Amino acid sequence: MQISGNFSVSGVDASRAAAKSNAPSPVAAATPSAIATPVDQLELSAEALSIGSSEQSGQAFRAGKVDSLREAISQGNYDTDEKMSAALDRFLDQLG
C-alpha cells in the first residue's frame, strides 16, 4: 500500500478498506450524534517547558519595559528597522 502527501491511498488492500469504510454502518446511521469530534492536543515534556522559562535563564520578565515598547510602537516613535537589526544581531551573538 502507498500513501501519498495528498492523503490518497493506493493498492488492492487499500481499495478494499476504502470500500468497507465508505459503506454506511447500521450503528452510525441509527445514531448520527454518536460521531466523535476530533480534539487537538499538545503535550510538552518538562525539558521543553523549561527551555522557554525566563527564570531558568536568569532573566526576569520586565512588564514595564514591554508596556513602554508597545506604547512607542503604537505612537510611531519606535524605529523598527534599527531596533530589529540590533535585536537580530544580539540574538545571533547568543546563538554563537
C-alpha atoms as a PDB file:
ATOM      1  CA  MET A   1       0.000   0.000   0.000  1.00  0.00           C
ATOM      2  CA  GLN A   2       1.188   3.529  -0.727  1.00  0.00           C
ATOM      3  CA  ILE A   3       0.094   6.737   0.946  1.00  0.00           C
ATOM      4  CA  SER A   4       0.939  10.000  -0.774  1.00  0.00           C
ATOM      5  CA  GLY A   5       1.169  13.521   0.619  1.00  0.00           C
ATOM      6  CA  ASN A   6      -2.338  14.381  -0.500  1.00  0.00           C
ATOM      7  CA  PHE A   7      -3.697  11.535   1.642  1.00  0.00           C
ATOM      8  CA  SER A   8      -4.550   9.226  -1.233  1.00  0.00           C
ATOM      9  CA  VAL A   9      -4.070   5.516  -0.677  1.00  0.00           C
ATOM     10  CA  SER A  10      -3.309   3.035  -3.425  1.00  0.00           C
ATOM     11  CA  GLY A  11      -3.149  -0.742  -3.582  1.00  0.00           C
ATOM     12  CA  VAL A  12      -5.590  -3.652  -3.573  1.00  0.00           C
ATOM     13  CA  ASP A  13      -5.957  -3.800   0.204  1.00  0.00           C
ATOM     14  CA  ALA A  14      -6.399  -0.046   0.386  1.00  0.00           C
ATOM     15  CA  SER A  15      -9.266  -0.096  -2.104  1.00  0.00           C
ATOM     16  CA  ARG A  16     -10.979  -2.868  -0.140  1.00  0.00           C
ATOM     17  CA  ALA A  17     -10.562  -0.921   3.085  1.00  0.00           C
ATOM     18  CA  ALA A  18     -11.916   2.223   1.412  1.00  0.00           C
ATOM     19  CA  ALA A  19     -14.935   0.339   0.114  1.00  0.00           C
ATOM     20  CA  LYS A  20     -15.636  -1.008   3.606  1.00  0.00           C
ATOM     21  CA  SER A  21     -15.145   2.358   5.278  1.00  0.00           C
ATOM     22  CA  ASN A  22     -17.456   4.110   2.797  1.00  0.00           C
ATOM     23  CA  ALA A  23     -20.278   1.663   3.398  1.00  0.00           C
ATOM     24  CA  PRO A  24     -22.801   3.029   5.906  1.00  0.00           C
ATOM     25  CA  SER A  25     -22.863   1.082   9.137  1.00  0.00           C
ATOM     26  CA  PRO A  26     -26.220   0.434  10.775  1.00  0.00           C
ATOM     27  CA  VAL A  27     -24.995   1.822  14.101  1.00  0.00           C
ATOM     28  CA  ALA A  28     -23.688   5.056  12.599  1.00  0.00           C
ATOM     29  CA  ALA A  29     -26.818   5.529  10.515  1.00  0.00           C
ATOM     30  CA  ALA A  30     -29.039   4.988  13.551  1.00  0.00           C
ATOM     31  CA  THR A  31     -27.164   7.399  15.826  1.00  0.00           C
ATOM     32  CA  PRO A  32     -25.601  10.310  13.919  1.00  0.00           C
ATOM     33  CA  SER A  33     -24.850  12.133  17.183  1.00  0.00           C
ATOM     34  CA  ALA A  34     -22.531   9.286  18.202  1.00  0.00           C
ATOM     35  CA  ILE A  35     -19.857  10.528  15.768  1.00  0.00           C
ATOM     36  CA  ALA A  36     -16.955  11.846  17.822  1.00  0.00           C
ATOM     37  CA  THR A  37     -15.399  15.195  17.013  1.00  0.00           C
ATOM     38  CA  PRO A  38     -11.593  15.053  16.920  1.00  0.00           C
ATOM     39  CA  VAL A  39      -9.819  17.046  19.605  1.00  0.00           C
ATOM     40  CA  ASP A  40      -6.399  18.658  19.126  1.00  0.00           C
ATOM     41  CA  GLN A  41      -3.981  18.012  21.946  1.00  0.00           C
ATOM     42  CA  LEU A  42      -0.415  19.061  22.727  1.00  0.00           C
ATOM     43  CA  GLU A  43       1.843  17.520  25.348  1.00  0.00           C
ATOM     44  CA  LEU A  44       5.237  19.041  26.178  1.00  0.00           C
ATOM     45  CA  SER A  45       7.961  17.387  28.194  1.00  0.00           C
ATOM     46  CA  ALA A  46       9.375  19.063  31.281  1.00  0.00           C
ATOM     47  CA  GLU A  47      12.564  19.773  29.315  1.00  0.00           C
ATOM     48  CA  ALA A  48      10.619  21.513  26.529  1.00  0.00           C
ATOM     49  CA  LEU A  49       8.728  23.597  29.059  1.00  0.00           C
ATOM     50  CA  SER A  50      11.949  24.660  30.780  1.00  0.00           C
ATOM     51  CA  ILE A  51      13.524  25.930  27.556  1.00  0.00           C
ATOM     52  CA  GLY A  52      11.247  28.967  27.433  1.00  0.00           C
ATOM     53  CA  SER A  53      11.404  29.669  31.147  1.00  0.00           C
ATOM     54  CA  SER A  54      12.884  33.104  31.824  1.00  0.00           C
ATOM     55  CA  GLU A  55      13.515  32.117  35.453  1.00  0.00           C
ATOM     56  CA  GLN A  56      15.871  29.342  34.419  1.00  0.00           C
ATOM     57  CA  SER A  57      17.857  31.571  32.068  1.00  0.00           C
ATOM     58  CA  GLY A  58      18.333  34.143  34.839  1.00  0.00           C
ATOM     59  CA  GLN A  59      16.356  36.837  33.039  1.00  0.00           C
ATOM     60  CA  ALA A  60      13.291  38.372  34.635  1.00  0.00           C
ATOM     61  CA  PHE A  61      10.267  39.451  32.606  1.00  0.00           C
ATOM     62  CA  ARG A  62      10.071  43.241  32.591  1.00  0.00           C
ATOM     63  CA  ALA A  63       6.412  44.159  32.130  1.00  0.00           C
ATOM     64  CA  GLY A  64       7.134  47.891  32.342  1.00  0.00           C
ATOM     65  CA  LYS A  65       9.660  47.661  29.508  1.00  0.00           C
ATOM     66  CA  VAL A  66       7.193  45.714  27.357  1.00  0.00           C
ATOM     67  CA  ASP A  67       4.455  48.275  28.017  1.00  0.00           C
ATOM     68  CA  SER A  68       6.687  51.206  27.108  1.00  0.00           C
ATOM     69  CA  LEU A  69       7.777  49.490  23.879  1.00  0.00           C
ATOM     70  CA  ARG A  70       4.170  48.763  22.931  1.00  0.00           C
ATOM     71  CA  GLU A  71       3.252  52.400  23.511  1.00  0.00           C
ATOM     72  CA  ALA A  72       6.210  53.637  21.436  1.00  0.00           C
ATOM     73  CA  ILE A  73       5.257  51.306  18.575  1.00  0.00           C
ATOM     74  CA  SER A  74       1.607  52.381  18.648  1.00  0.00           C
ATOM     75  CA  GLN A  75       2.618  56.080  18.567  1.00  0.00           C
ATOM     76  CA  GLY A  76       5.093  55.516  15.738  1.00  0.00           C
ATOM     77  CA  ASN A  77       8.089  56.582  17.856  1.00  0.00           C
ATOM     78  CA  TYR A  78       9.868  53.248  17.637  1.00  0.00           C
ATOM     79  CA  ASP A  79      12.433  52.993  14.823  1.00  0.00           C
ATOM     80  CA  THR A  80      11.715  49.398  13.856  1.00  0.00           C
ATOM     81  CA  ASP A  81      14.474  48.928  11.227  1.00  0.00           C
ATOM     82  CA  GLU A  82      17.296  49.915  13.557  1.00  0.00           C
ATOM     83  CA  LYS A  83      15.815  48.216  16.615  1.00  0.00           C
ATOM     84  CA  MET A  84      15.130  45.000  14.724  1.00  0.00           C
ATOM     85  CA  SER A  85      18.645  44.975  13.301  1.00  0.00           C
ATOM     86  CA  ALA A  86      20.174  45.439  16.747  1.00  0.00           C
ATOM     87  CA  ALA A  87      17.913  42.778  18.260  1.00  0.00           C
ATOM     88  CA  LEU A  88      18.760  40.355  15.471  1.00  0.00           C
ATOM     89  CA  ASP A  89      22.482  40.971  15.980  1.00  0.00           C
ATOM     90  CA  ARG A  90      22.161  40.288  19.734  1.00  0.00           C
ATOM     91  CA  PHE A  91      20.138  37.136  19.036  1.00  0.00           C
ATOM     92  CA  LEU A  92      22.678  35.796  16.560  1.00  0.00           C
ATOM     93  CA  ASP A  93      25.501  36.543  19.021  1.00  0.00           C
ATOM     94  CA  GLN A  94      23.690  34.498  21.670  1.00  0.00           C
ATOM     95  CA  LEU A  95      23.320  31.565  19.284  1.00  0.00           C
ATOM     96  CA  GLY A  96      27.057  31.542  18.749  1.00  0.00           C
END
